[in-house]
PDBML (XML) file of the C-alpha atoms, coordinates in Angstrom:
<?xml version="1.0" encoding="UTF-8" ?>
<PDBx:datablock datablockName="MODEL"
   xmlns:PDBx="http://pdbml.pdb.org/schema/pdbx-v50.xsd"
   xmlns:xsi="http://www.w3.org/2001/XMLSchema-instance"
   xsi:schemaLocation="http://pdbml.pdb.org/schema/pdbx-v50.xsd pdbx-v50.xsd">
   <PDBx:atom_siteCategory>
      <PDBx:atom_site id="1">
         <PDBx:B_iso_or_equiv>0.00</PDBx:B_iso_or_equiv>
         <PDBx:Cartn_x>1.335</PDBx:Cartn_x>
         <PDBx:Cartn_y>0.546</PDBx:Cartn_y>
         <PDBx:Cartn_z>-4.259</PDBx:Cartn_z>
         <PDBx:auth_asym_id>A</PDBx:auth_asym_id>
         <PDBx:auth_atom_id>CA</PDBx:auth_atom_id>
         <PDBx:auth_comp_id>UNK</PDBx:auth_comp_id>
         <PDBx:auth_seq_id>1</PDBx:auth_seq_id>
         <PDBx:group_PDB>ATOM</PDBx:group_PDB>
         <PDBx:label_alt_id xsi:nil="true" />
         <PDBx:label_asym_id>A</PDBx:label_asym_id>
         <PDBx:label_atom_id>CA</PDBx:label_atom_id>
         <PDBx:label_comp_id>UNK</PDBx:label_comp_id>
         <PDBx:label_entity_id>1</PDBx:label_entity_id>
         <PDBx:label_seq_id>1</PDBx:label_seq_id>
         <PDBx:occupancy>1.00</PDBx:occupancy>
         <PDBx:pdbx_PDB_model_num>1</PDBx:pdbx_PDB_model_num>
         <PDBx:type_symbol>C</PDBx:type_symbol>
      </PDBx:atom_site>
      <PDBx:atom_site id="2">
         <PDBx:B_iso_or_equiv>0.00</PDBx:B_iso_or_equiv>
         <PDBx:Cartn_x>-2.024</PDBx:Cartn_x>
         <PDBx:Cartn_y>0.409</PDBx:Cartn_y>
         <PDBx:Cartn_z>-6.044</PDBx:Cartn_z>
         <PDBx:auth_asym_id>A</PDBx:auth_asym_id>
         <PDBx:auth_atom_id>CA</PDBx:auth_atom_id>
         <PDBx:auth_comp_id>UNK</PDBx:auth_comp_id>
         <PDBx:auth_seq_id>2</PDBx:auth_seq_id>
         <PDBx:group_PDB>ATOM</PDBx:group_PDB>
         <PDBx:label_alt_id xsi:nil="true" />
         <PDBx:label_asym_id>A</PDBx:label_asym_id>
         <PDBx:label_atom_id>CA</PDBx:label_atom_id>
         <PDBx:label_comp_id>UNK</PDBx:label_comp_id>
         <PDBx:label_entity_id>1</PDBx:label_entity_id>
         <PDBx:label_seq_id>2</PDBx:label_seq_id>
         <PDBx:occupancy>1.00</PDBx:occupancy>
         <PDBx:pdbx_PDB_model_num>1</PDBx:pdbx_PDB_model_num>
         <PDBx:type_symbol>C</PDBx:type_symbol>
      </PDBx:atom_site>
      <PDBx:atom_site id="3">
         <PDBx:B_iso_or_equiv>0.00</PDBx:B_iso_or_equiv>
         <PDBx:Cartn_x>-4.991</PDBx:Cartn_x>
         <PDBx:Cartn_y>2.466</PDBx:Cartn_y>
         <PDBx:Cartn_z>-4.795</PDBx:Cartn_z>
         <PDBx:auth_asym_id>A</PDBx:auth_asym_id>
         <PDBx:auth_atom_id>CA</PDBx:auth_atom_id>
         <PDBx:auth_comp_id>UNK</PDBx:auth_comp_id>
         <PDBx:auth_seq_id>3</PDBx:auth_seq_id>
         <PDBx:group_PDB>ATOM</PDBx:group_PDB>
         <PDBx:label_alt_id xsi:nil="true" />
         <PDBx:label_asym_id>A</PDBx:label_asym_id>
         <PDBx:label_atom_id>CA</PDBx:label_atom_id>
         <PDBx:label_comp_id>UNK</PDBx:label_comp_id>
         <PDBx:label_entity_id>1</PDBx:label_entity_id>
         <PDBx:label_seq_id>3</PDBx:label_seq_id>
         <PDBx:occupancy>1.00</PDBx:occupancy>
         <PDBx:pdbx_PDB_model_num>1</PDBx:pdbx_PDB_model_num>
         <PDBx:type_symbol>C</PDBx:type_symbol>
      </PDBx:atom_site>
      <PDBx:atom_site id="4">
         <PDBx:B_iso_or_equiv>0.00</PDBx:B_iso_or_equiv>
         <PDBx:Cartn_x>-8.713</PDBx:Cartn_x>
         <PDBx:Cartn_y>2.896</PDBx:Cartn_y>
         <PDBx:Cartn_z>-5.719</PDBx:Cartn_z>
         <PDBx:auth_asym_id>A</PDBx:auth_asym_id>
         <PDBx:auth_atom_id>CA</PDBx:auth_atom_id>
         <PDBx:auth_comp_id>UNK</PDBx:auth_comp_id>
         <PDBx:auth_seq_id>4</PDBx:auth_seq_id>
         <PDBx:group_PDB>ATOM</PDBx:group_PDB>
         <PDBx:label_alt_id xsi:nil="true" />
         <PDBx:label_asym_id>A</PDBx:label_asym_id>
         <PDBx:label_atom_id>CA</PDBx:label_atom_id>
         <PDBx:label_comp_id>UNK</PDBx:label_comp_id>
         <PDBx:label_entity_id>1</PDBx:label_entity_id>
         <PDBx:label_seq_id>4</PDBx:label_seq_id>
         <PDBx:occupancy>1.00</PDBx:occupancy>
         <PDBx:pdbx_PDB_model_num>1</PDBx:pdbx_PDB_model_num>
         <PDBx:type_symbol>C</PDBx:type_symbol>
      </PDBx:atom_site>
      <PDBx:atom_site id="5">
         <PDBx:B_iso_or_equiv>0.00</PDBx:B_iso_or_equiv>
         <PDBx:Cartn_x>-10.523</PDBx:Cartn_x>
         <PDBx:Cartn_y>6.221</PDBx:Cartn_y>
         <PDBx:Cartn_z>-6.414</PDBx:Cartn_z>
         <PDBx:auth_asym_id>A</PDBx:auth_asym_id>
         <PDBx:auth_atom_id>CA</PDBx:auth_atom_id>
         <PDBx:auth_comp_id>UNK</PDBx:auth_comp_id>
         <PDBx:auth_seq_id>5</PDBx:auth_seq_id>
         <PDBx:group_PDB>ATOM</PDBx:group_PDB>
         <PDBx:label_alt_id xsi:nil="true" />
         <PDBx:label_asym_id>A</PDBx:label_asym_id>
         <PDBx:label_atom_id>CA</PDBx:label_atom_id>
         <PDBx:label_comp_id>UNK</PDBx:label_comp_id>
         <PDBx:label_entity_id>1</PDBx:label_entity_id>
         <PDBx:label_seq_id>5</PDBx:label_seq_id>
         <PDBx:occupancy>1.00</PDBx:occupancy>
         <PDBx:pdbx_PDB_model_num>1</PDBx:pdbx_PDB_model_num>
         <PDBx:type_symbol>C</PDBx:type_symbol>
      </PDBx:atom_site>
      <PDBx:atom_site id="6">
         <PDBx:B_iso_or_equiv>0.00</PDBx:B_iso_or_equiv>
         <PDBx:Cartn_x>-11.397</PDBx:Cartn_x>
         <PDBx:Cartn_y>6.328</PDBx:Cartn_y>
         <PDBx:Cartn_z>-2.671</PDBx:Cartn_z>
         <PDBx:auth_asym_id>A</PDBx:auth_asym_id>
         <PDBx:auth_atom_id>CA</PDBx:auth_atom_id>
         <PDBx:auth_comp_id>UNK</PDBx:auth_comp_id>
         <PDBx:auth_seq_id>6</PDBx:auth_seq_id>
         <PDBx:group_PDB>ATOM</PDBx:group_PDB>
         <PDBx:label_alt_id xsi:nil="true" />
         <PDBx:label_asym_id>A</PDBx:label_asym_id>
         <PDBx:label_atom_id>CA</PDBx:label_atom_id>
         <PDBx:label_comp_id>UNK</PDBx:label_comp_id>
         <PDBx:label_entity_id>1</PDBx:label_entity_id>
         <PDBx:label_seq_id>6</PDBx:label_seq_id>
         <PDBx:occupancy>1.00</PDBx:occupancy>
         <PDBx:pdbx_PDB_model_num>1</PDBx:pdbx_PDB_model_num>
         <PDBx:type_symbol>C</PDBx:type_symbol>
      </PDBx:atom_site>
      <PDBx:atom_site id="7">
         <PDBx:B_iso_or_equiv>0.00</PDBx:B_iso_or_equiv>
         <PDBx:Cartn_x>-7.745</PDBx:Cartn_x>
         <PDBx:Cartn_y>5.884</PDBx:Cartn_y>
         <PDBx:Cartn_z>-1.883</PDBx:Cartn_z>
         <PDBx:auth_asym_id>A</PDBx:auth_asym_id>
         <PDBx:auth_atom_id>CA</PDBx:auth_atom_id>
         <PDBx:auth_comp_id>UNK</PDBx:auth_comp_id>
         <PDBx:auth_seq_id>7</PDBx:auth_seq_id>
         <PDBx:group_PDB>ATOM</PDBx:group_PDB>
         <PDBx:label_alt_id xsi:nil="true" />
         <PDBx:label_asym_id>A</PDBx:label_asym_id>
         <PDBx:label_atom_id>CA</PDBx:label_atom_id>
         <PDBx:label_comp_id>UNK</PDBx:label_comp_id>
         <PDBx:label_entity_id>1</PDBx:label_entity_id>
         <PDBx:label_seq_id>7</PDBx:label_seq_id>
         <PDBx:occupancy>1.00</PDBx:occupancy>
         <PDBx:pdbx_PDB_model_num>1</PDBx:pdbx_PDB_model_num>
         <PDBx:type_symbol>C</PDBx:type_symbol>
      </PDBx:atom_site>
      <PDBx:atom_site id="8">
         <PDBx:B_iso_or_equiv>0.00</PDBx:B_iso_or_equiv>
         <PDBx:Cartn_x>-7.994</PDBx:Cartn_x>
         <PDBx:Cartn_y>2.421</PDBx:Cartn_y>
         <PDBx:Cartn_z>-0.493</PDBx:Cartn_z>
         <PDBx:auth_asym_id>A</PDBx:auth_asym_id>
         <PDBx:auth_atom_id>CA</PDBx:auth_atom_id>
         <PDBx:auth_comp_id>UNK</PDBx:auth_comp_id>
         <PDBx:auth_seq_id>8</PDBx:auth_seq_id>
         <PDBx:group_PDB>ATOM</PDBx:group_PDB>
         <PDBx:label_alt_id xsi:nil="true" />
         <PDBx:label_asym_id>A</PDBx:label_asym_id>
         <PDBx:label_atom_id>CA</PDBx:label_atom_id>
         <PDBx:label_comp_id>UNK</PDBx:label_comp_id>
         <PDBx:label_entity_id>1</PDBx:label_entity_id>
         <PDBx:label_seq_id>8</PDBx:label_seq_id>
         <PDBx:occupancy>1.00</PDBx:occupancy>
         <PDBx:pdbx_PDB_model_num>1</PDBx:pdbx_PDB_model_num>
         <PDBx:type_symbol>C</PDBx:type_symbol>
      </PDBx:atom_site>
      <PDBx:atom_site id="9">
         <PDBx:B_iso_or_equiv>0.00</PDBx:B_iso_or_equiv>
         <PDBx:Cartn_x>-4.672</PDBx:Cartn_x>
         <PDBx:Cartn_y>0.604</PDBx:Cartn_y>
         <PDBx:Cartn_z>-0.872</PDBx:Cartn_z>
         <PDBx:auth_asym_id>A</PDBx:auth_asym_id>
         <PDBx:auth_atom_id>CA</PDBx:auth_atom_id>
         <PDBx:auth_comp_id>UNK</PDBx:auth_comp_id>
         <PDBx:auth_seq_id>9</PDBx:auth_seq_id>
         <PDBx:group_PDB>ATOM</PDBx:group_PDB>
         <PDBx:label_alt_id xsi:nil="true" />
         <PDBx:label_asym_id>A</PDBx:label_asym_id>
         <PDBx:label_atom_id>CA</PDBx:label_atom_id>
         <PDBx:label_comp_id>UNK</PDBx:label_comp_id>
         <PDBx:label_entity_id>1</PDBx:label_entity_id>
         <PDBx:label_seq_id>9</PDBx:label_seq_id>
         <PDBx:occupancy>1.00</PDBx:occupancy>
         <PDBx:pdbx_PDB_model_num>1</PDBx:pdbx_PDB_model_num>
         <PDBx:type_symbol>C</PDBx:type_symbol>
      </PDBx:atom_site>
      <PDBx:atom_site id="10">
         <PDBx:B_iso_or_equiv>0.00</PDBx:B_iso_or_equiv>
         <PDBx:Cartn_x>-5.285</PDBx:Cartn_x>
         <PDBx:Cartn_y>-2.808</PDBx:Cartn_y>
         <PDBx:Cartn_z>-2.438</PDBx:Cartn_z>
         <PDBx:auth_asym_id>A</PDBx:auth_asym_id>
         <PDBx:auth_atom_id>CA</PDBx:auth_atom_id>
         <PDBx:auth_comp_id>UNK</PDBx:auth_comp_id>
         <PDBx:auth_seq_id>10</PDBx:auth_seq_id>
         <PDBx:group_PDB>ATOM</PDBx:group_PDB>
         <PDBx:label_alt_id xsi:nil="true" />
         <PDBx:label_asym_id>A</PDBx:label_asym_id>
         <PDBx:label_atom_id>CA</PDBx:label_atom_id>
         <PDBx:label_comp_id>UNK</PDBx:label_comp_id>
         <PDBx:label_entity_id>1</PDBx:label_entity_id>
         <PDBx:label_seq_id>10</PDBx:label_seq_id>
         <PDBx:occupancy>1.00</PDBx:occupancy>
         <PDBx:pdbx_PDB_model_num>1</PDBx:pdbx_PDB_model_num>
         <PDBx:type_symbol>C</PDBx:type_symbol>
      </PDBx:atom_site>
      <PDBx:atom_site id="11">
         <PDBx:B_iso_or_equiv>0.00</PDBx:B_iso_or_equiv>
         <PDBx:Cartn_x>-1.718</PDBx:Cartn_x>
         <PDBx:Cartn_y>-3.948</PDBx:Cartn_y>
         <PDBx:Cartn_z>-3.259</PDBx:Cartn_z>
         <PDBx:auth_asym_id>A</PDBx:auth_asym_id>
         <PDBx:auth_atom_id>CA</PDBx:auth_atom_id>
         <PDBx:auth_comp_id>UNK</PDBx:auth_comp_id>
         <PDBx:auth_seq_id>11</PDBx:auth_seq_id>
         <PDBx:group_PDB>ATOM</PDBx:group_PDB>
         <PDBx:label_alt_id xsi:nil="true" />
         <PDBx:label_asym_id>A</PDBx:label_asym_id>
         <PDBx:label_atom_id>CA</PDBx:label_atom_id>
         <PDBx:label_comp_id>UNK</PDBx:label_comp_id>
         <PDBx:label_entity_id>1</PDBx:label_entity_id>
         <PDBx:label_seq_id>11</PDBx:label_seq_id>
         <PDBx:occupancy>1.00</PDBx:occupancy>
         <PDBx:pdbx_PDB_model_num>1</PDBx:pdbx_PDB_model_num>
         <PDBx:type_symbol>C</PDBx:type_symbol>
      </PDBx:atom_site>
      <PDBx:atom_site id="12">
         <PDBx:B_iso_or_equiv>0.00</PDBx:B_iso_or_equiv>
         <PDBx:Cartn_x>1.782</PDBx:Cartn_x>
         <PDBx:Cartn_y>-2.981</PDBx:Cartn_y>
         <PDBx:Cartn_z>-2.274</PDBx:Cartn_z>
         <PDBx:auth_asym_id>A</PDBx:auth_asym_id>
         <PDBx:auth_atom_id>CA</PDBx:auth_atom_id>
         <PDBx:auth_comp_id>UNK</PDBx:auth_comp_id>
         <PDBx:auth_seq_id>12</PDBx:auth_seq_id>
         <PDBx:group_PDB>ATOM</PDBx:group_PDB>
         <PDBx:label_alt_id xsi:nil="true" />
         <PDBx:label_asym_id>A</PDBx:label_asym_id>
         <PDBx:label_atom_id>CA</PDBx:label_atom_id>
         <PDBx:label_comp_id>UNK</PDBx:label_comp_id>
         <PDBx:label_entity_id>1</PDBx:label_entity_id>
         <PDBx:label_seq_id>12</PDBx:label_seq_id>
         <PDBx:occupancy>1.00</PDBx:occupancy>
         <PDBx:pdbx_PDB_model_num>1</PDBx:pdbx_PDB_model_num>
         <PDBx:type_symbol>C</PDBx:type_symbol>
      </PDBx:atom_site>
      <PDBx:atom_site id="13">
         <PDBx:B_iso_or_equiv>0.00</PDBx:B_iso_or_equiv>
         <PDBx:Cartn_x>5.303</PDBx:Cartn_x>
         <PDBx:Cartn_y>-4.336</PDBx:Cartn_y>
         <PDBx:Cartn_z>-2.354</PDBx:Cartn_z>
         <PDBx:auth_asym_id>A</PDBx:auth_asym_id>
         <PDBx:auth_atom_id>CA</PDBx:auth_atom_id>
         <PDBx:auth_comp_id>UNK</PDBx:auth_comp_id>
         <PDBx:auth_seq_id>13</PDBx:auth_seq_id>
         <PDBx:group_PDB>ATOM</PDBx:group_PDB>
         <PDBx:label_alt_id xsi:nil="true" />
         <PDBx:label_asym_id>A</PDBx:label_asym_id>
         <PDBx:label_atom_id>CA</PDBx:label_atom_id>
         <PDBx:label_comp_id>UNK</PDBx:label_comp_id>
         <PDBx:label_entity_id>1</PDBx:label_entity_id>
         <PDBx:label_seq_id>13</PDBx:label_seq_id>
         <PDBx:occupancy>1.00</PDBx:occupancy>
         <PDBx:pdbx_PDB_model_num>1</PDBx:pdbx_PDB_model_num>
         <PDBx:type_symbol>C</PDBx:type_symbol>
      </PDBx:atom_site>
      <PDBx:atom_site id="14">
         <PDBx:B_iso_or_equiv>0.00</PDBx:B_iso_or_equiv>
         <PDBx:Cartn_x>7.780</PDBx:Cartn_x>
         <PDBx:Cartn_y>-5.044</PDBx:Cartn_y>
         <PDBx:Cartn_z>0.472</PDBx:Cartn_z>
         <PDBx:auth_asym_id>A</PDBx:auth_asym_id>
         <PDBx:auth_atom_id>CA</PDBx:auth_atom_id>
         <PDBx:auth_comp_id>UNK</PDBx:auth_comp_id>
         <PDBx:auth_seq_id>14</PDBx:auth_seq_id>
         <PDBx:group_PDB>ATOM</PDBx:group_PDB>
         <PDBx:label_alt_id xsi:nil="true" />
         <PDBx:label_asym_id>A</PDBx:label_asym_id>
         <PDBx:label_atom_id>CA</PDBx:label_atom_id>
         <PDBx:label_comp_id>UNK</PDBx:label_comp_id>
         <PDBx:label_entity_id>1</PDBx:label_entity_id>
         <PDBx:label_seq_id>14</PDBx:label_seq_id>
         <PDBx:occupancy>1.00</PDBx:occupancy>
         <PDBx:pdbx_PDB_model_num>1</PDBx:pdbx_PDB_model_num>
         <PDBx:type_symbol>C</PDBx:type_symbol>
      </PDBx:atom_site>
      <PDBx:atom_site id="15">
         <PDBx:B_iso_or_equiv>0.00</PDBx:B_iso_or_equiv>
         <PDBx:Cartn_x>9.508</PDBx:Cartn_x>
         <PDBx:Cartn_y>-1.723</PDBx:Cartn_y>
         <PDBx:Cartn_z>0.179</PDBx:Cartn_z>
         <PDBx:auth_asym_id>A</PDBx:auth_asym_id>
         <PDBx:auth_atom_id>CA</PDBx:auth_atom_id>
         <PDBx:auth_comp_id>UNK</PDBx:auth_comp_id>
         <PDBx:auth_seq_id>15</PDBx:auth_seq_id>
         <PDBx:group_PDB>ATOM</PDBx:group_PDB>
         <PDBx:label_alt_id xsi:nil="true" />
         <PDBx:label_asym_id>A</PDBx:label_asym_id>
         <PDBx:label_atom_id>CA</PDBx:label_atom_id>
         <PDBx:label_comp_id>UNK</PDBx:label_comp_id>
         <PDBx:label_entity_id>1</PDBx:label_entity_id>
         <PDBx:label_seq_id>15</PDBx:label_seq_id>
         <PDBx:occupancy>1.00</PDBx:occupancy>
         <PDBx:pdbx_PDB_model_num>1</PDBx:pdbx_PDB_model_num>
         <PDBx:type_symbol>C</PDBx:type_symbol>
      </PDBx:atom_site>
      <PDBx:atom_site id="16">
         <PDBx:B_iso_or_equiv>0.00</PDBx:B_iso_or_equiv>
         <PDBx:Cartn_x>6.119</PDBx:Cartn_x>
         <PDBx:Cartn_y>0.057</PDBx:Cartn_y>
         <PDBx:Cartn_z>0.775</PDBx:Cartn_z>
         <PDBx:auth_asym_id>A</PDBx:auth_asym_id>
         <PDBx:auth_atom_id>CA</PDBx:auth_atom_id>
         <PDBx:auth_comp_id>UNK</PDBx:auth_comp_id>
         <PDBx:auth_seq_id>16</PDBx:auth_seq_id>
         <PDBx:group_PDB>ATOM</PDBx:group_PDB>
         <PDBx:label_alt_id xsi:nil="true" />
         <PDBx:label_asym_id>A</PDBx:label_asym_id>
         <PDBx:label_atom_id>CA</PDBx:label_atom_id>
         <PDBx:label_comp_id>UNK</PDBx:label_comp_id>
         <PDBx:label_entity_id>1</PDBx:label_entity_id>
         <PDBx:label_seq_id>16</PDBx:label_seq_id>
         <PDBx:occupancy>1.00</PDBx:occupancy>
         <PDBx:pdbx_PDB_model_num>1</PDBx:pdbx_PDB_model_num>
         <PDBx:type_symbol>C</PDBx:type_symbol>
      </PDBx:atom_site>
      <PDBx:atom_site id="17">
         <PDBx:B_iso_or_equiv>0.00</PDBx:B_iso_or_equiv>
         <PDBx:Cartn_x>5.616</PDBx:Cartn_x>
         <PDBx:Cartn_y>-2.157</PDBx:Cartn_y>
         <PDBx:Cartn_z>3.923</PDBx:Cartn_z>
         <PDBx:auth_asym_id>A</PDBx:auth_asym_id>
         <PDBx:auth_atom_id>CA</PDBx:auth_atom_id>
         <PDBx:auth_comp_id>UNK</PDBx:auth_comp_id>
         <PDBx:auth_seq_id>17</PDBx:auth_seq_id>
         <PDBx:group_PDB>ATOM</PDBx:group_PDB>
         <PDBx:label_alt_id xsi:nil="true" />
         <PDBx:label_asym_id>A</PDBx:label_asym_id>
         <PDBx:label_atom_id>CA</PDBx:label_atom_id>
         <PDBx:label_comp_id>UNK</PDBx:label_comp_id>
         <PDBx:label_entity_id>1</PDBx:label_entity_id>
         <PDBx:label_seq_id>17</PDBx:label_seq_id>
         <PDBx:occupancy>1.00</PDBx:occupancy>
         <PDBx:pdbx_PDB_model_num>1</PDBx:pdbx_PDB_model_num>
         <PDBx:type_symbol>C</PDBx:type_symbol>
      </PDBx:atom_site>
      <PDBx:atom_site id="18">
         <PDBx:B_iso_or_equiv>0.00</PDBx:B_iso_or_equiv>
         <PDBx:Cartn_x>8.979</PDBx:Cartn_x>
         <PDBx:Cartn_y>-1.105</PDBx:Cartn_y>
         <PDBx:Cartn_z>5.385</PDBx:Cartn_z>
         <PDBx:auth_asym_id>A</PDBx:auth_asym_id>
         <PDBx:auth_atom_id>CA</PDBx:auth_atom_id>
         <PDBx:auth_comp_id>UNK</PDBx:auth_comp_id>
         <PDBx:auth_seq_id>18</PDBx:auth_seq_id>
         <PDBx:group_PDB>ATOM</PDBx:group_PDB>
         <PDBx:label_alt_id xsi:nil="true" />
         <PDBx:label_asym_id>A</PDBx:label_asym_id>
         <PDBx:label_atom_id>CA</PDBx:label_atom_id>
         <PDBx:label_comp_id>UNK</PDBx:label_comp_id>
         <PDBx:label_entity_id>1</PDBx:label_entity_id>
         <PDBx:label_seq_id>18</PDBx:label_seq_id>
         <PDBx:occupancy>1.00</PDBx:occupancy>
         <PDBx:pdbx_PDB_model_num>1</PDBx:pdbx_PDB_model_num>
         <PDBx:type_symbol>C</PDBx:type_symbol>
      </PDBx:atom_site>
      <PDBx:atom_site id="19">
         <PDBx:B_iso_or_equiv>0.00</PDBx:B_iso_or_equiv>
         <PDBx:Cartn_x>8.977</PDBx:Cartn_x>
         <PDBx:Cartn_y>2.529</PDBx:Cartn_y>
         <PDBx:Cartn_z>4.323</PDBx:Cartn_z>
         <PDBx:auth_asym_id>A</PDBx:auth_asym_id>
         <PDBx:auth_atom_id>CA</PDBx:auth_atom_id>
         <PDBx:auth_comp_id>UNK</PDBx:auth_comp_id>
         <PDBx:auth_seq_id>19</PDBx:auth_seq_id>
         <PDBx:group_PDB>ATOM</PDBx:group_PDB>
         <PDBx:label_alt_id xsi:nil="true" />
         <PDBx:label_asym_id>A</PDBx:label_asym_id>
         <PDBx:label_atom_id>CA</PDBx:label_atom_id>
         <PDBx:label_comp_id>UNK</PDBx:label_comp_id>
         <PDBx:label_entity_id>1</PDBx:label_entity_id>
         <PDBx:label_seq_id>19</PDBx:label_seq_id>
         <PDBx:occupancy>1.00</PDBx:occupancy>
         <PDBx:pdbx_PDB_model_num>1</PDBx:pdbx_PDB_model_num>
         <PDBx:type_symbol>C</PDBx:type_symbol>
      </PDBx:atom_site>
      <PDBx:atom_site id="20">
         <PDBx:B_iso_or_equiv>0.00</PDBx:B_iso_or_equiv>
         <PDBx:Cartn_x>5.261</PDBx:Cartn_x>
         <PDBx:Cartn_y>3.661</PDBx:Cartn_y>
         <PDBx:Cartn_z>4.218</PDBx:Cartn_z>
         <PDBx:auth_asym_id>A</PDBx:auth_asym_id>
         <PDBx:auth_atom_id>CA</PDBx:auth_atom_id>
         <PDBx:auth_comp_id>UNK</PDBx:auth_comp_id>
         <PDBx:auth_seq_id>20</PDBx:auth_seq_id>
         <PDBx:group_PDB>ATOM</PDBx:group_PDB>
         <PDBx:label_alt_id xsi:nil="true" />
         <PDBx:label_asym_id>A</PDBx:label_asym_id>
         <PDBx:label_atom_id>CA</PDBx:label_atom_id>
         <PDBx:label_comp_id>UNK</PDBx:label_comp_id>
         <PDBx:label_entity_id>1</PDBx:label_entity_id>
         <PDBx:label_seq_id>20</PDBx:label_seq_id>
         <PDBx:occupancy>1.00</PDBx:occupancy>
         <PDBx:pdbx_PDB_model_num>1</PDBx:pdbx_PDB_model_num>
         <PDBx:type_symbol>C</PDBx:type_symbol>
      </PDBx:atom_site>
      <PDBx:atom_site id="21">
         <PDBx:B_iso_or_equiv>0.00</PDBx:B_iso_or_equiv>
         <PDBx:Cartn_x>3.091</PDBx:Cartn_x>
         <PDBx:Cartn_y>1.361</PDBx:Cartn_y>
         <PDBx:Cartn_z>6.299</PDBx:Cartn_z>
         <PDBx:auth_asym_id>A</PDBx:auth_asym_id>
         <PDBx:auth_atom_id>CA</PDBx:auth_atom_id>
         <PDBx:auth_comp_id>UNK</PDBx:auth_comp_id>
         <PDBx:auth_seq_id>21</PDBx:auth_seq_id>
         <PDBx:group_PDB>ATOM</PDBx:group_PDB>
         <PDBx:label_alt_id xsi:nil="true" />
         <PDBx:label_asym_id>A</PDBx:label_asym_id>
         <PDBx:label_atom_id>CA</PDBx:label_atom_id>
         <PDBx:label_comp_id>UNK</PDBx:label_comp_id>
         <PDBx:label_entity_id>1</PDBx:label_entity_id>
         <PDBx:label_seq_id>21</PDBx:label_seq_id>
         <PDBx:occupancy>1.00</PDBx:occupancy>
         <PDBx:pdbx_PDB_model_num>1</PDBx:pdbx_PDB_model_num>
         <PDBx:type_symbol>C</PDBx:type_symbol>
      </PDBx:atom_site>
      <PDBx:atom_site id="22">
         <PDBx:B_iso_or_equiv>0.00</PDBx:B_iso_or_equiv>
         <PDBx:Cartn_x>2.722</PDBx:Cartn_x>
         <PDBx:Cartn_y>-2.327</PDBx:Cartn_y>
         <PDBx:Cartn_z>7.031</PDBx:Cartn_z>
         <PDBx:auth_asym_id>A</PDBx:auth_asym_id>
         <PDBx:auth_atom_id>CA</PDBx:auth_atom_id>
         <PDBx:auth_comp_id>UNK</PDBx:auth_comp_id>
         <PDBx:auth_seq_id>22</PDBx:auth_seq_id>
         <PDBx:group_PDB>ATOM</PDBx:group_PDB>
         <PDBx:label_alt_id xsi:nil="true" />
         <PDBx:label_asym_id>A</PDBx:label_asym_id>
         <PDBx:label_atom_id>CA</PDBx:label_atom_id>
         <PDBx:label_comp_id>UNK</PDBx:label_comp_id>
         <PDBx:label_entity_id>1</PDBx:label_entity_id>
         <PDBx:label_seq_id>22</PDBx:label_seq_id>
         <PDBx:occupancy>1.00</PDBx:occupancy>
         <PDBx:pdbx_PDB_model_num>1</PDBx:pdbx_PDB_model_num>
         <PDBx:type_symbol>C</PDBx:type_symbol>
      </PDBx:atom_site>
      <PDBx:atom_site id="23">
         <PDBx:B_iso_or_equiv>0.00</PDBx:B_iso_or_equiv>
         <PDBx:Cartn_x>-0.642</PDBx:Cartn_x>
         <PDBx:Cartn_y>-2.573</PDBx:Cartn_y>
         <PDBx:Cartn_z>5.173</PDBx:Cartn_z>
         <PDBx:auth_asym_id>A</PDBx:auth_asym_id>
         <PDBx:auth_atom_id>CA</PDBx:auth_atom_id>
         <PDBx:auth_comp_id>UNK</PDBx:auth_comp_id>
         <PDBx:auth_seq_id>23</PDBx:auth_seq_id>
         <PDBx:group_PDB>ATOM</PDBx:group_PDB>
         <PDBx:label_alt_id xsi:nil="true" />
         <PDBx:label_asym_id>A</PDBx:label_asym_id>
         <PDBx:label_atom_id>CA</PDBx:label_atom_id>
         <PDBx:label_comp_id>UNK</PDBx:label_comp_id>
         <PDBx:label_entity_id>1</PDBx:label_entity_id>
         <PDBx:label_seq_id>23</PDBx:label_seq_id>
         <PDBx:occupancy>1.00</PDBx:occupancy>
         <PDBx:pdbx_PDB_model_num>1</PDBx:pdbx_PDB_model_num>
         <PDBx:type_symbol>C</PDBx:type_symbol>
      </PDBx:atom_site>
      <PDBx:atom_site id="24">
         <PDBx:B_iso_or_equiv>0.00</PDBx:B_iso_or_equiv>
         <PDBx:Cartn_x>-0.769</PDBx:Cartn_x>
         <PDBx:Cartn_y>-6.381</PDBx:Cartn_y>
         <PDBx:Cartn_z>5.697</PDBx:Cartn_z>
         <PDBx:auth_asym_id>A</PDBx:auth_asym_id>
         <PDBx:auth_atom_id>CA</PDBx:auth_atom_id>
         <PDBx:auth_comp_id>UNK</PDBx:auth_comp_id>
         <PDBx:auth_seq_id>24</PDBx:auth_seq_id>
         <PDBx:group_PDB>ATOM</PDBx:group_PDB>
         <PDBx:label_alt_id xsi:nil="true" />
         <PDBx:label_asym_id>A</PDBx:label_asym_id>
         <PDBx:label_atom_id>CA</PDBx:label_atom_id>
         <PDBx:label_comp_id>UNK</PDBx:label_comp_id>
         <PDBx:label_entity_id>1</PDBx:label_entity_id>
         <PDBx:label_seq_id>24</PDBx:label_seq_id>
         <PDBx:occupancy>1.00</PDBx:occupancy>
         <PDBx:pdbx_PDB_model_num>1</PDBx:pdbx_PDB_model_num>
         <PDBx:type_symbol>C</PDBx:type_symbol>
      </PDBx:atom_site>
   </PDBx:atom_siteCategory>
</PDBx:datablock>
């Protein structure tokens, strides 16, 4: 994933969706 300095997640891949969180 890609995050900002305030730790907002602005991009991720499918593996992140299934393992970490469904950010979409």
